[in-house]
Protein backbone atom coordinates (compact mmCIF):
# COMPACT_ATOMS: atom_id res chain seq x y z
CA UNK A 1 1.99 19.85 0.26
CA UNK A 2 0.26 20.12 4.06
CA UNK A 3 1.38 22.32 6.88
CA UNK A 4 1.97 20.90 10.37
CA UNK A 5 2.07 22.51 13.61
CA UNK A 6 2.80 20.10 16.82
CA UNK A 7 1.97 21.25 20.22
CA UNK A 8 1.78 19.45 23.99
CA UNK A 9 5.63 19.00 24.90
CA UNK A 10 6.44 19.86 27.90
CA UNK A 11 8.51 18.01 31.11
CA UNK A 12 7.14 15.35 33.43
CA UNK A 13 8.65 12.98 35.37
CA UNK A 14 9.33 9.18 34.82
CA UNK A 15 5.96 7.31 34.32
CA UNK A 16 3.87 10.14 33.49
CA UNK A 17 1.64 10.43 30.67
CA UNK A 18 1.42 13.31 27.49
CA UNK A 19 -0.30 13.78 24.70
CA UNK A 20 1.05 15.52 21.60
CA UNK A 21 -1.32 16.92 19.09
CA UNK A 22 -0.32 17.88 14.94
CA UNK A 23 -2.67 19.65 13.25
CA UNK A 24 -2.28 19.92 9.12
CA UNK A 25 -3.65 22.05 6.64
CA UNK A 26 -5.10 20.71 3.76
CA UNK A 27 -8.83 19.09 1.82
CA UNK A 28 -7.21 15.35 1.64
CA UNK A 29 -5.88 15.16 5.17
CA UNK A 30 -7.80 12.04 5.58
CA UNK A 31 -5.81 10.48 2.88
CA UNK A 32 -2.59 11.48 4.70
CA UNK A 33 -0.11 8.88 5.94
CA UNK A 34 0.96 10.46 9.61
CA UNK A 35 3.51 9.62 11.19
CA UNK A 36 5.69 10.82 14.50
CA UNK A 37 9.40 10.82 15.05
CA UNK A 38 11.53 12.26 17.82
CA UNK A 39 15.31 12.64 17.74
CA UNK A 40 17.12 12.91 21.14
CA UNK A 41 20.39 14.98 21.47
CA UNK A 42 23.70 13.60 19.49
CA UNK A 43 21.18 11.08 17.84
CA UNK A 44 20.00 10.44 14.52
CA UNK A 45 15.84 11.17 13.83
CA UNK A 46 13.89 7.70 14.75
CA UNK A 47 10.55 6.33 13.94
CA UNK A 48 7.55 6.08 16.63
CA UNK A 49 4.09 5.72 15.24
CA UNK A 50 2.73 6.17 12.37
CA UNK A 51 -1.40 6.24 10.94
CA UNK A 52 -0.85 4.94 7.47
CA UNK A 53 -3.67 5.30 5.16
CA UNK A 54 -5.16 1.59 3.80
CA UNK A 55 -8.28 3.14 1.49
CA UNK A 56 -11.84 4.73 2.39
CA UNK A 57 -11.82 5.49 5.88
CA UNK A 58 -9.26 2.55 7.46
CA UNK A 59 -5.59 3.24 8.62
CA UNK A 60 -3.30 1.06 9.88
CA UNK A 61 -1.08 1.97 13.11
CA UNK A 62 2.37 0.90 13.52
CA UNK A 63 4.83 1.51 16.38
CA UNK A 64 8.58 1.27 17.23
CA UNK A 65 9.23 -1.45 19.67
CA UNK A 66 10.71 0.86 22.13
CA UNK A 67 7.12 1.97 22.54
CA UNK A 68 4.47 -0.75 21.76
CA UNK A 69 2.55 -0.94 24.29
CA UNK A 70 3.08 2.67 26.35
CA UNK A 71 2.12 4.63 23.28
CA UNK A 72 -0.87 5.23 21.07
CA UNK A 73 -1.13 6.57 17.50
CA UNK A 74 -4.46 8.30 16.97
CA UNK A 75 -5.81 10.87 14.11
CA UNK A 76 -9.02 13.28 13.96
CA UNK A 77 -9.89 14.02 10.08
CA UNK A 78 -12.67 16.46 11.55
CA UNK A 79 -9.98 18.56 12.75
CA UNK A 80 -7.37 17.43 10.75
CA UNK A 81 -5.35 16.32 13.71
CA UNK A 82 -3.41 13.25 14.37
CA UNK A 83 -2.29 12.48 18.56
CA UNK A 84 -0.17 10.74 20.19
CA UNK A 85 -0.58 9.96 23.58
CA UNK A 86 2.41 8.95 25.82
CA UNK A 87 1.81 6.39 28.72
CA UNK A 88 4.80 5.31 31.47
CA UNK A 89 7.18 7.91 30.08
CA UNK A 90 11.02 6.88 30.54
CA UNK A 91 13.85 9.06 30.79
CA UNK A 92 14.72 7.94 27.23
CA UNK A 93 11.62 9.15 25.43
CA UNK A 94 13.14 12.65 26.38
CA UNK A 95 13.51 14.27 22.05
CA UNK A 96 11.85 16.46 20.22
CA UNK A 97 9.11 14.96 18.67
CA UNK A 98 8.09 15.50 14.83
CA UNK A 99 5.02 14.90 13.15
CA UNK A 100 4.81 14.13 9.32
CA UNK A 101 2.77 13.64 6.41
CA UNK A 102 3.28 11.66 3.41
CA UNK A 103 0.27 12.19 0.59
CA UNK A 104 2.10 10.05 -2.03
CA UNK A 105 0.85 6.92 -0.84
CA UNK A 106 4.32 5.89 0.23
CA UNK A 107 3.15 3.93 3.55
CA UNK A 108 6.74 3.92 5.35
CA UNK A 109 8.19 3.96 7.88
CA UNK A 110 11.58 5.87 7.53
CA UNK A 111 11.82 9.61 7.09
CA UNK A 112 12.25 9.60 2.95
CA UNK A 113 9.02 8.29 3.64
CA UNK A 114 7.59 11.80 4.78
CA UNK A 115 7.34 14.65 2.59
CA UNK A 116 6.19 17.53 5.33
CA UNK A 117 7.44 18.14 8.75
CA UNK A 118 6.55 19.83 11.71
CA UNK A 119 8.61 22.13 13.77
CA UNK A 120 8.59 19.64 16.35
CA UNK A 121 7.80 19.69 20.04
CA UNK A 122 9.91 19.79 23.42
CA UNK A 123 9.54 16.39 25.57
CA UNK A 124 11.61 15.70 28.56
CA UNK A 125 11.04 13.06 31.24
CA UNK A 126 13.04 13.53 34.54
CA UNK A 127 14.01 10.31 36.47
């Protein structure tokens, strides 16, 4: 099990950029697949981006269609941290963003593929 703490959310204007961070505990962070999900008011939690561990020091980045080309997921295993760089933000990106970890090699993109979750950080994009 890994504890996750997100930070970096805030209120920005459309077109602005924001970087979210998620710090995880544990000594095997490098072998976890990490993902970002988001949940807007009245909507279900949805996949945003993932850094899927595929062995050794190799990772595969996956993105939802709605954010591909605007968001970038990255990680610094020395700091047990995964980032979500968000550019060209839109009002529809407004949501609570959650960091999630999968230590069971599922390498999936759905909610049930991830066991450990952070508390979330609010991102609000004004038009």
